[in-house]
N, C-alpha and C. Protein backbone atom coordinates (compact mmCIF):
# COMPACT_ATOMS: atom_id res chain seq x y z
N MET A 1 11.12 -0.83 12.30
CA MET A 1 12.17 -0.27 11.53
C MET A 1 13.03 0.65 12.38
N SER A 2 13.07 0.39 13.68
CA SER A 2 13.75 1.33 14.57
C SER A 2 15.27 1.41 14.34
N ASP A 3 15.93 0.39 13.90
CA ASP A 3 17.33 0.41 13.77
C ASP A 3 17.82 0.39 12.31
N THR A 4 16.96 0.73 11.39
CA THR A 4 17.33 0.58 9.97
C THR A 4 18.07 1.77 9.44
N GLY A 5 17.90 2.96 9.99
CA GLY A 5 18.60 4.15 9.51
C GLY A 5 18.15 4.68 8.20
N TRP A 6 16.95 4.42 7.79
CA TRP A 6 16.43 4.99 6.58
C TRP A 6 15.01 5.42 6.73
N ALA A 7 14.57 6.27 5.86
CA ALA A 7 13.17 6.78 5.87
C ALA A 7 12.41 6.23 4.70
N ASP A 8 11.12 6.01 4.91
CA ASP A 8 10.29 5.54 3.82
C ASP A 8 10.03 6.70 2.81
N ILE A 9 10.11 6.36 1.54
CA ILE A 9 9.77 7.32 0.46
C ILE A 9 8.73 6.63 -0.43
N SER A 10 7.67 7.35 -0.72
CA SER A 10 6.54 6.73 -1.43
C SER A 10 6.74 6.56 -2.94
N ALA A 11 7.49 7.41 -3.60
CA ALA A 11 7.56 7.45 -5.02
C ALA A 11 7.85 6.12 -5.69
N PRO A 12 8.83 5.30 -5.20
CA PRO A 12 9.09 4.06 -5.91
C PRO A 12 7.95 3.08 -5.90
N TYR A 13 7.02 3.25 -4.94
CA TYR A 13 5.87 2.36 -4.82
C TYR A 13 4.78 2.71 -5.81
N LEU A 14 4.93 3.84 -6.50
CA LEU A 14 3.91 4.28 -7.42
C LEU A 14 4.31 4.05 -8.89
N ARG A 15 5.50 3.57 -9.11
CA ARG A 15 6.01 3.37 -10.48
C ARG A 15 5.90 1.88 -10.89
N PRO A 16 5.44 1.66 -12.11
CA PRO A 16 5.43 0.27 -12.63
C PRO A 16 6.86 -0.27 -12.66
N ARG A 17 6.96 -1.58 -12.45
CA ARG A 17 8.28 -2.22 -12.44
C ARG A 17 8.55 -2.80 -13.83
N ARG A 18 9.81 -2.88 -14.18
CA ARG A 18 10.20 -3.56 -15.44
C ARG A 18 10.23 -5.05 -15.21
N PRO A 19 10.06 -5.83 -16.27
CA PRO A 19 10.11 -7.31 -16.14
C PRO A 19 11.42 -7.74 -15.43
N GLY A 20 11.31 -8.57 -14.45
CA GLY A 20 12.44 -9.09 -13.72
C GLY A 20 12.86 -8.24 -12.55
N ASP A 21 12.37 -6.99 -12.47
CA ASP A 21 12.71 -6.12 -11.29
C ASP A 21 12.00 -6.68 -10.05
N PRO A 22 12.68 -6.53 -8.88
CA PRO A 22 11.99 -6.90 -7.66
C PRO A 22 10.93 -5.85 -7.32
N ASP A 23 10.01 -6.21 -6.44
CA ASP A 23 9.03 -5.22 -6.04
C ASP A 23 9.72 -4.08 -5.25
N ALA A 24 9.06 -2.95 -5.11
CA ALA A 24 9.69 -1.79 -4.50
C ALA A 24 10.15 -2.04 -3.05
N TRP A 25 9.40 -2.79 -2.29
CA TRP A 25 9.79 -3.01 -0.89
C TRP A 25 11.04 -3.91 -0.86
N THR A 26 11.07 -4.96 -1.67
CA THR A 26 12.23 -5.83 -1.72
C THR A 26 13.51 -5.01 -2.09
N ALA A 27 13.34 -4.14 -3.12
CA ALA A 27 14.48 -3.33 -3.55
C ALA A 27 14.90 -2.35 -2.50
N GLU A 28 13.95 -1.68 -1.84
CA GLU A 28 14.30 -0.67 -0.81
C GLU A 28 15.02 -1.33 0.35
N ALA A 29 14.49 -2.45 0.83
CA ALA A 29 15.11 -3.15 1.96
C ALA A 29 16.50 -3.63 1.57
N GLU A 30 16.63 -4.19 0.40
CA GLU A 30 17.95 -4.70 -0.06
C GLU A 30 18.96 -3.56 -0.15
N ALA A 31 18.55 -2.38 -0.61
CA ALA A 31 19.45 -1.21 -0.70
C ALA A 31 20.02 -0.84 0.62
N HIS A 32 19.35 -1.23 1.72
CA HIS A 32 19.78 -0.90 3.05
C HIS A 32 20.29 -2.11 3.81
N GLY A 33 20.59 -3.20 3.07
CA GLY A 33 21.21 -4.34 3.67
C GLY A 33 20.23 -5.27 4.43
N HIS A 34 18.96 -5.21 4.09
CA HIS A 34 17.90 -6.02 4.75
C HIS A 34 17.19 -6.86 3.74
N VAL A 35 16.33 -7.72 4.24
CA VAL A 35 15.45 -8.53 3.40
C VAL A 35 14.03 -8.11 3.61
N GLY A 36 13.39 -7.61 2.56
CA GLY A 36 11.97 -7.20 2.67
C GLY A 36 11.10 -8.17 1.88
N THR A 37 10.07 -8.67 2.57
CA THR A 37 9.15 -9.59 1.88
C THR A 37 7.72 -9.18 2.23
N ASN A 38 6.79 -9.81 1.49
CA ASN A 38 5.36 -9.58 1.68
C ASN A 38 4.72 -10.98 1.75
N GLU A 39 3.73 -11.08 2.61
CA GLU A 39 2.90 -12.30 2.63
C GLU A 39 1.46 -11.86 2.27
N LEU A 40 0.92 -12.50 1.25
CA LEU A 40 -0.46 -12.20 0.88
C LEU A 40 -1.37 -12.94 1.85
N ARG A 41 -2.16 -12.20 2.62
CA ARG A 41 -2.99 -12.77 3.64
C ARG A 41 -4.39 -13.13 3.15
N ALA A 42 -4.91 -12.29 2.24
CA ALA A 42 -6.26 -12.56 1.69
C ALA A 42 -6.52 -11.67 0.49
N VAL A 43 -7.39 -12.15 -0.39
CA VAL A 43 -7.94 -11.36 -1.51
C VAL A 43 -9.44 -11.59 -1.40
N GLU A 44 -10.19 -10.50 -1.22
CA GLU A 44 -11.62 -10.62 -1.02
C GLU A 44 -12.40 -9.49 -1.74
N GLU A 45 -13.64 -9.81 -2.03
CA GLU A 45 -14.53 -8.75 -2.47
C GLU A 45 -15.33 -8.28 -1.21
N VAL A 46 -15.19 -6.94 -0.94
CA VAL A 46 -15.75 -6.42 0.31
C VAL A 46 -16.45 -5.08 0.02
N ARG A 47 -17.25 -4.70 0.98
CA ARG A 47 -17.72 -3.32 1.07
C ARG A 47 -16.63 -2.62 1.91
N PRO A 48 -15.86 -1.76 1.35
CA PRO A 48 -14.73 -1.17 2.09
C PRO A 48 -15.20 -0.23 3.22
N PRO A 49 -14.29 0.05 4.16
CA PRO A 49 -14.64 1.06 5.20
C PRO A 49 -15.08 2.36 4.50
N GLN A 50 -15.93 3.10 5.16
CA GLN A 50 -16.54 4.28 4.57
C GLN A 50 -15.52 5.26 3.99
N ALA A 51 -14.44 5.51 4.71
CA ALA A 51 -13.43 6.45 4.24
C ALA A 51 -12.82 5.98 2.91
N VAL A 52 -12.62 4.68 2.79
CA VAL A 52 -12.08 4.13 1.55
C VAL A 52 -13.13 4.19 0.45
N ALA A 53 -14.36 3.85 0.76
CA ALA A 53 -15.44 3.90 -0.21
C ALA A 53 -15.57 5.37 -0.75
N ASP A 54 -15.53 6.32 0.16
CA ASP A 54 -15.61 7.71 -0.27
C ASP A 54 -14.43 8.10 -1.14
N ALA A 55 -13.22 7.68 -0.79
CA ALA A 55 -12.02 8.02 -1.58
C ALA A 55 -12.10 7.40 -2.98
N LEU A 56 -12.69 6.23 -3.07
CA LEU A 56 -12.80 5.56 -4.37
C LEU A 56 -14.08 5.92 -5.11
N GLN A 57 -14.86 6.83 -4.51
CA GLN A 57 -16.12 7.30 -5.09
C GLN A 57 -17.08 6.15 -5.34
N LEU A 58 -17.17 5.25 -4.37
CA LEU A 58 -18.09 4.11 -4.51
C LEU A 58 -19.43 4.44 -3.91
N GLY A 59 -20.50 3.97 -4.51
CA GLY A 59 -21.85 4.13 -3.99
C GLY A 59 -22.11 3.20 -2.84
N PRO A 60 -23.28 3.33 -2.19
CA PRO A 60 -23.60 2.51 -1.00
C PRO A 60 -23.61 1.00 -1.27
N GLU A 61 -23.88 0.57 -2.47
CA GLU A 61 -23.96 -0.84 -2.77
C GLU A 61 -22.67 -1.38 -3.45
N ASP A 62 -21.76 -0.46 -3.78
CA ASP A 62 -20.57 -0.86 -4.54
C ASP A 62 -19.61 -1.62 -3.67
N THR A 63 -18.88 -2.54 -4.28
CA THR A 63 -17.89 -3.31 -3.58
C THR A 63 -16.51 -3.06 -4.21
N ALA A 64 -15.51 -3.53 -3.54
CA ALA A 64 -14.13 -3.44 -4.00
C ALA A 64 -13.40 -4.71 -3.76
N ILE A 65 -12.31 -4.92 -4.46
CA ILE A 65 -11.41 -6.03 -4.19
C ILE A 65 -10.37 -5.50 -3.22
N VAL A 66 -10.13 -6.24 -2.13
CA VAL A 66 -9.06 -5.87 -1.23
C VAL A 66 -8.00 -6.98 -1.25
N ARG A 67 -6.76 -6.55 -1.35
CA ARG A 67 -5.60 -7.43 -1.26
C ARG A 67 -4.93 -7.11 0.06
N ARG A 68 -4.94 -8.05 1.01
CA ARG A 68 -4.38 -7.80 2.34
C ARG A 68 -3.04 -8.51 2.43
N ARG A 69 -2.02 -7.68 2.81
CA ARG A 69 -0.66 -8.18 2.87
C ARG A 69 -0.04 -7.89 4.28
N LEU A 70 0.86 -8.78 4.67
CA LEU A 70 1.73 -8.54 5.84
C LEU A 70 3.11 -8.27 5.27
N VAL A 71 3.65 -7.12 5.67
CA VAL A 71 4.97 -6.69 5.15
C VAL A 71 6.01 -7.03 6.25
N LEU A 72 7.08 -7.69 5.85
CA LEU A 72 8.10 -8.12 6.81
C LEU A 72 9.45 -7.50 6.44
N LEU A 73 10.23 -7.23 7.48
CA LEU A 73 11.63 -6.77 7.31
C LEU A 73 12.48 -7.77 8.09
N ASP A 74 13.35 -8.44 7.37
CA ASP A 74 14.21 -9.45 8.00
C ASP A 74 13.36 -10.48 8.76
N GLY A 75 12.21 -10.82 8.21
CA GLY A 75 11.37 -11.82 8.78
C GLY A 75 10.45 -11.31 9.92
N ARG A 76 10.59 -10.04 10.29
CA ARG A 76 9.77 -9.50 11.35
C ARG A 76 8.65 -8.63 10.78
N PRO A 77 7.44 -8.78 11.29
CA PRO A 77 6.32 -7.96 10.77
C PRO A 77 6.54 -6.48 11.05
N THR A 78 6.30 -5.68 10.07
CA THR A 78 6.47 -4.23 10.18
C THR A 78 5.26 -3.44 9.73
N GLU A 79 4.38 -4.09 8.96
CA GLU A 79 3.23 -3.33 8.37
C GLU A 79 2.15 -4.25 7.90
N LEU A 80 0.92 -3.81 8.06
CA LEU A 80 -0.21 -4.47 7.39
C LEU A 80 -0.63 -3.51 6.27
N ALA A 81 -0.79 -4.03 5.06
CA ALA A 81 -1.18 -3.19 3.92
C ALA A 81 -2.39 -3.80 3.24
N ASP A 82 -3.44 -3.01 3.23
CA ASP A 82 -4.71 -3.40 2.55
C ASP A 82 -4.96 -2.46 1.41
N SER A 83 -4.89 -3.03 0.20
CA SER A 83 -5.10 -2.22 -1.01
C SER A 83 -6.46 -2.55 -1.62
N TYR A 84 -7.25 -1.50 -1.81
CA TYR A 84 -8.62 -1.63 -2.33
C TYR A 84 -8.70 -1.12 -3.73
N TYR A 85 -9.45 -1.88 -4.58
CA TYR A 85 -9.64 -1.50 -6.03
C TYR A 85 -11.11 -1.64 -6.29
N PRO A 86 -11.72 -0.60 -6.95
CA PRO A 86 -13.15 -0.77 -7.33
C PRO A 86 -13.34 -2.01 -8.19
N LEU A 87 -14.44 -2.68 -7.93
CA LEU A 87 -14.68 -3.91 -8.64
C LEU A 87 -14.75 -3.67 -10.17
N GLY A 88 -15.25 -2.51 -10.58
CA GLY A 88 -15.28 -2.20 -12.00
C GLY A 88 -13.92 -2.12 -12.66
N ILE A 89 -12.87 -1.89 -11.86
CA ILE A 89 -11.52 -1.87 -12.38
C ILE A 89 -10.83 -3.23 -12.19
N ALA A 90 -11.01 -3.81 -11.04
CA ALA A 90 -10.31 -5.05 -10.66
C ALA A 90 -10.95 -6.32 -11.20
N GLY A 91 -12.28 -6.28 -11.39
CA GLY A 91 -12.99 -7.46 -11.82
C GLY A 91 -12.40 -8.09 -13.07
N GLY A 92 -12.19 -9.41 -13.07
CA GLY A 92 -11.68 -10.13 -14.22
C GLY A 92 -10.20 -9.96 -14.43
N THR A 93 -9.48 -9.36 -13.49
CA THR A 93 -8.04 -9.20 -13.58
C THR A 93 -7.33 -10.03 -12.53
N ARG A 94 -5.99 -10.05 -12.59
CA ARG A 94 -5.20 -10.76 -11.60
C ARG A 94 -5.33 -10.16 -10.22
N LEU A 95 -5.90 -8.94 -10.10
CA LEU A 95 -6.10 -8.36 -8.79
C LEU A 95 -7.05 -9.19 -7.94
N THR A 96 -7.91 -9.97 -8.59
CA THR A 96 -8.87 -10.78 -7.87
C THR A 96 -8.36 -12.16 -7.47
N GLU A 97 -7.16 -12.47 -7.92
CA GLU A 97 -6.58 -13.80 -7.67
C GLU A 97 -5.73 -13.79 -6.40
N ALA A 98 -5.83 -14.85 -5.61
CA ALA A 98 -5.15 -14.99 -4.35
C ALA A 98 -3.71 -15.51 -4.58
N ARG A 99 -2.96 -14.68 -5.32
CA ARG A 99 -1.55 -15.02 -5.58
C ARG A 99 -0.83 -13.72 -5.92
N LYS A 100 0.49 -13.76 -5.86
CA LYS A 100 1.27 -12.57 -6.13
C LYS A 100 1.12 -12.22 -7.62
N ILE A 101 1.19 -10.93 -7.91
CA ILE A 101 1.06 -10.43 -9.29
C ILE A 101 2.47 -10.12 -9.83
N PRO A 102 2.85 -10.74 -10.91
CA PRO A 102 4.19 -10.42 -11.49
C PRO A 102 4.33 -8.92 -11.69
N GLY A 103 5.36 -8.33 -11.13
CA GLY A 103 5.58 -6.87 -11.26
C GLY A 103 4.74 -6.05 -10.28
N GLY A 104 3.82 -6.70 -9.58
CA GLY A 104 3.05 -6.02 -8.57
C GLY A 104 1.82 -5.39 -9.18
N ALA A 105 0.93 -4.97 -8.26
CA ALA A 105 -0.36 -4.34 -8.68
C ALA A 105 -0.18 -3.08 -9.45
N VAL A 106 0.83 -2.27 -9.11
CA VAL A 106 1.08 -1.03 -9.82
C VAL A 106 1.39 -1.28 -11.31
N THR A 107 2.19 -2.30 -11.57
CA THR A 107 2.54 -2.65 -12.91
C THR A 107 1.30 -3.16 -13.71
N LEU A 108 0.53 -4.01 -13.07
CA LEU A 108 -0.70 -4.51 -13.70
C LEU A 108 -1.65 -3.35 -13.99
N LEU A 109 -1.83 -2.48 -13.00
CA LEU A 109 -2.74 -1.34 -13.22
C LEU A 109 -2.26 -0.45 -14.38
N ALA A 110 -0.94 -0.26 -14.49
CA ALA A 110 -0.41 0.55 -15.58
C ALA A 110 -0.74 -0.14 -16.92
N GLU A 111 -0.61 -1.45 -16.97
CA GLU A 111 -0.97 -2.22 -18.21
C GLU A 111 -2.39 -2.05 -18.56
N LEU A 112 -3.25 -1.83 -17.56
CA LEU A 112 -4.71 -1.64 -17.74
C LEU A 112 -5.04 -0.17 -18.03
N GLY A 113 -4.01 0.68 -18.05
CA GLY A 113 -4.24 2.11 -18.34
C GLY A 113 -4.42 3.01 -17.11
N TYR A 114 -4.13 2.48 -15.91
CA TYR A 114 -4.29 3.28 -14.68
C TYR A 114 -2.89 3.63 -14.15
N LEU A 115 -2.46 4.84 -14.45
CA LEU A 115 -1.18 5.36 -13.97
C LEU A 115 -1.43 6.48 -12.99
N ALA A 116 -0.61 6.49 -11.93
CA ALA A 116 -0.75 7.53 -10.93
C ALA A 116 -0.39 8.89 -11.46
N HIS A 117 -1.31 9.80 -11.42
CA HIS A 117 -1.07 11.19 -11.79
C HIS A 117 -1.10 12.09 -10.56
N LYS A 118 -2.11 11.82 -9.73
CA LYS A 118 -2.21 12.54 -8.46
C LYS A 118 -2.36 11.52 -7.34
N VAL A 119 -1.53 11.64 -6.32
CA VAL A 119 -1.54 10.69 -5.22
C VAL A 119 -1.69 11.54 -3.95
N GLU A 120 -2.66 11.15 -3.14
CA GLU A 120 -2.87 11.83 -1.88
C GLU A 120 -2.51 10.84 -0.77
N GLU A 121 -1.77 11.30 0.21
CA GLU A 121 -1.41 10.50 1.36
C GLU A 121 -1.78 11.25 2.65
N ARG A 122 -2.29 10.48 3.59
CA ARG A 122 -2.65 11.03 4.89
C ARG A 122 -2.10 10.12 5.93
N VAL A 123 -1.38 10.68 6.95
CA VAL A 123 -0.82 9.86 8.00
C VAL A 123 -1.42 10.24 9.32
N THR A 124 -1.84 9.22 10.09
CA THR A 124 -2.37 9.45 11.42
C THR A 124 -1.69 8.48 12.37
N ALA A 125 -1.81 8.72 13.66
CA ALA A 125 -1.25 7.83 14.67
C ALA A 125 -2.36 7.53 15.64
N ARG A 126 -2.34 6.26 16.15
CA ARG A 126 -3.40 5.86 17.09
C ARG A 126 -2.93 4.62 17.85
N PRO A 127 -3.58 4.31 19.00
CA PRO A 127 -3.22 3.07 19.69
C PRO A 127 -3.53 1.84 18.76
N SER A 128 -2.70 0.84 18.94
CA SER A 128 -2.92 -0.42 18.13
C SER A 128 -4.12 -1.18 18.66
N THR A 129 -4.76 -1.90 17.76
CA THR A 129 -5.84 -2.78 18.16
C THR A 129 -5.31 -4.19 18.49
N GLU A 130 -6.16 -4.99 19.09
CA GLU A 130 -5.69 -6.37 19.41
C GLU A 130 -5.27 -7.16 18.17
N PRO A 131 -6.11 -7.15 17.08
CA PRO A 131 -5.64 -7.86 15.90
C PRO A 131 -4.31 -7.37 15.31
N GLU A 132 -4.09 -6.03 15.39
CA GLU A 132 -2.84 -5.46 14.93
C GLU A 132 -1.70 -5.89 15.85
N GLN A 133 -1.93 -5.92 17.16
CA GLN A 133 -0.92 -6.36 18.06
C GLN A 133 -0.49 -7.82 17.78
N ALA A 134 -1.48 -8.65 17.50
CA ALA A 134 -1.15 -10.05 17.19
C ALA A 134 -0.40 -10.18 15.86
N ALA A 135 -0.81 -9.45 14.84
CA ALA A 135 -0.17 -9.57 13.53
C ALA A 135 1.20 -8.93 13.49
N LEU A 136 1.35 -7.83 14.21
CA LEU A 136 2.58 -7.03 14.14
C LEU A 136 3.52 -7.25 15.32
N ASP A 137 3.16 -8.17 16.21
CA ASP A 137 3.97 -8.46 17.40
C ASP A 137 4.17 -7.21 18.25
N LEU A 138 3.05 -6.53 18.54
CA LEU A 138 3.09 -5.31 19.33
C LEU A 138 2.57 -5.57 20.75
N ARG A 139 2.90 -4.69 21.69
CA ARG A 139 2.37 -4.74 23.01
C ARG A 139 1.09 -3.89 23.07
N PRO A 140 0.25 -4.15 24.03
CA PRO A 140 -1.03 -3.37 24.10
C PRO A 140 -0.84 -1.86 24.15
N GLN A 141 0.24 -1.39 24.72
CA GLN A 141 0.45 0.10 24.84
C GLN A 141 1.11 0.66 23.58
N ASP A 142 1.46 -0.14 22.56
CA ASP A 142 2.12 0.34 21.40
C ASP A 142 1.11 1.04 20.44
N TRP A 143 1.61 2.05 19.80
CA TRP A 143 0.84 2.82 18.81
C TRP A 143 1.25 2.40 17.40
N VAL A 144 0.41 2.72 16.47
CA VAL A 144 0.70 2.48 15.06
C VAL A 144 0.57 3.80 14.28
N LEU A 145 1.21 3.86 13.14
CA LEU A 145 1.05 4.90 12.15
C LEU A 145 0.14 4.30 11.10
N VAL A 146 -0.83 5.06 10.61
CA VAL A 146 -1.70 4.62 9.56
C VAL A 146 -1.56 5.58 8.39
N LEU A 147 -1.03 5.10 7.28
CA LEU A 147 -0.85 5.89 6.09
C LEU A 147 -1.92 5.42 5.09
N THR A 148 -2.77 6.38 4.67
CA THR A 148 -3.76 6.05 3.65
C THR A 148 -3.36 6.76 2.39
N ARG A 149 -3.23 6.02 1.31
CA ARG A 149 -2.82 6.56 -0.01
C ARG A 149 -3.95 6.32 -1.01
N VAL A 150 -4.31 7.37 -1.74
CA VAL A 150 -5.32 7.26 -2.78
C VAL A 150 -4.63 7.68 -4.11
N SER A 151 -4.69 6.84 -5.10
CA SER A 151 -4.07 7.12 -6.40
C SER A 151 -5.14 7.40 -7.41
N ARG A 152 -4.93 8.46 -8.23
CA ARG A 152 -5.86 8.88 -9.26
C ARG A 152 -5.18 9.03 -10.61
N THR A 153 -5.94 8.80 -11.66
CA THR A 153 -5.40 8.99 -13.01
C THR A 153 -5.40 10.49 -13.35
N SER A 154 -4.88 10.82 -14.51
CA SER A 154 -4.83 12.20 -14.96
C SER A 154 -6.25 12.77 -15.15
N ALA A 155 -7.23 11.88 -15.36
CA ALA A 155 -8.61 12.31 -15.46
C ALA A 155 -9.29 12.46 -14.15
N GLY A 156 -8.57 12.13 -13.05
CA GLY A 156 -9.11 12.28 -11.70
C GLY A 156 -9.80 11.02 -11.20
N THR A 157 -9.73 9.94 -11.94
CA THR A 157 -10.38 8.70 -11.53
C THR A 157 -9.61 8.02 -10.41
N PRO A 158 -10.22 7.79 -9.24
CA PRO A 158 -9.51 7.06 -8.20
C PRO A 158 -9.59 5.57 -8.52
N TYR A 159 -8.41 4.93 -8.45
CA TYR A 159 -8.38 3.50 -8.84
C TYR A 159 -7.77 2.59 -7.77
N GLU A 160 -7.13 3.18 -6.77
CA GLU A 160 -6.53 2.38 -5.69
C GLU A 160 -6.52 3.20 -4.43
N ALA A 161 -6.88 2.59 -3.33
CA ALA A 161 -6.77 3.17 -2.00
C ALA A 161 -6.11 2.12 -1.13
N THR A 162 -4.96 2.48 -0.54
CA THR A 162 -4.21 1.56 0.27
C THR A 162 -4.12 2.10 1.69
N VAL A 163 -4.42 1.24 2.63
CA VAL A 163 -4.34 1.61 4.07
C VAL A 163 -3.19 0.78 4.63
N MET A 164 -2.14 1.46 5.04
CA MET A 164 -0.96 0.81 5.62
C MET A 164 -0.89 1.10 7.11
N THR A 165 -0.93 0.04 7.88
CA THR A 165 -0.86 0.19 9.33
C THR A 165 0.53 -0.28 9.72
N MET A 166 1.33 0.63 10.23
CA MET A 166 2.73 0.41 10.43
C MET A 166 3.16 0.41 11.90
N VAL A 167 4.15 -0.38 12.22
CA VAL A 167 4.77 -0.32 13.51
C VAL A 167 5.37 1.09 13.64
N ALA A 168 5.03 1.81 14.65
CA ALA A 168 5.44 3.23 14.79
C ALA A 168 6.81 3.42 15.35
N ASP A 169 7.36 2.45 16.07
CA ASP A 169 8.61 2.59 16.78
C ASP A 169 9.72 2.94 15.81
N GLY A 170 10.24 4.16 15.86
CA GLY A 170 11.38 4.58 15.05
C GLY A 170 11.03 4.85 13.60
N ARG A 171 9.82 4.84 13.19
CA ARG A 171 9.44 4.99 11.80
C ARG A 171 9.50 6.47 11.44
N GLU A 172 10.10 6.78 10.33
CA GLU A 172 10.11 8.12 9.77
C GLU A 172 9.50 8.06 8.39
N LEU A 173 8.59 8.93 8.08
CA LEU A 173 8.00 9.02 6.71
C LEU A 173 8.57 10.33 6.12
N ARG A 174 9.13 10.19 4.96
CA ARG A 174 9.71 11.42 4.31
C ARG A 174 9.09 11.53 2.95
N TYR A 175 8.77 12.73 2.54
CA TYR A 175 8.14 12.96 1.28
C TYR A 175 9.04 13.80 0.42
N GLU A 176 9.16 13.42 -0.86
CA GLU A 176 9.93 14.18 -1.80
C GLU A 176 8.99 14.61 -2.92
N LEU A 177 9.21 15.78 -3.43
CA LEU A 177 8.44 16.29 -4.52
C LEU A 177 9.32 16.82 -5.59
N THR A 178 9.17 16.38 -6.82
CA THR A 178 9.91 16.90 -7.95
C THR A 178 8.99 17.78 -8.73
N VAL A 179 9.37 19.02 -8.83
CA VAL A 179 8.51 19.98 -9.49
C VAL A 179 9.12 20.24 -10.88
N GLY A 180 8.26 20.11 -11.94
CA GLY A 180 8.71 20.31 -13.29
C GLY A 180 9.00 21.77 -13.59
N LYS A 181 9.61 22.06 -14.73
CA LYS A 181 9.89 23.43 -15.11
C LYS A 181 8.65 24.21 -15.42
N GLU A 182 8.67 25.45 -15.05
CA GLU A 182 7.52 26.31 -15.41
C GLU A 182 7.59 26.63 -16.89
N THR A 183 6.38 26.75 -17.48
CA THR A 183 6.36 27.10 -18.92
C THR A 183 5.95 28.55 -19.13
């Protein structure tokens, strides 16, 4: 995203979409004169990495559904996004199907009663791995940004953990916070 002239903002990715609306990435890219697409690479039941299991409050034997996507900007790879859902939430839903979900996962989760109330994001930077280099068309010396997002309901239930591994060249992450009126 080095020449795009815009910064990533998380809020639109946390809101359910209306019927017929494009997904948040498609809409964001289009607003900046680009074409944003996603390729679904895999949908699997897995034992997630320990940090994800901890974030989702999964026990040692618990599994999750992971939806692995390649995010493209104007046909070029820009991000790997792996979204994990506890099996107790995802089981028996379209989250387990290896196809796109109308309105996206956020919309489906909202229909199931899982709305983001508290969202935690953590960003780190590190050297890219060989599989990331191959998927994202990176050189061995290139670094990536890794944004981990955990979404929780108003009751504090974690229902989604997404690990986004992004091309770091020129990427800016910007966060906005809207604070309600004091009572």
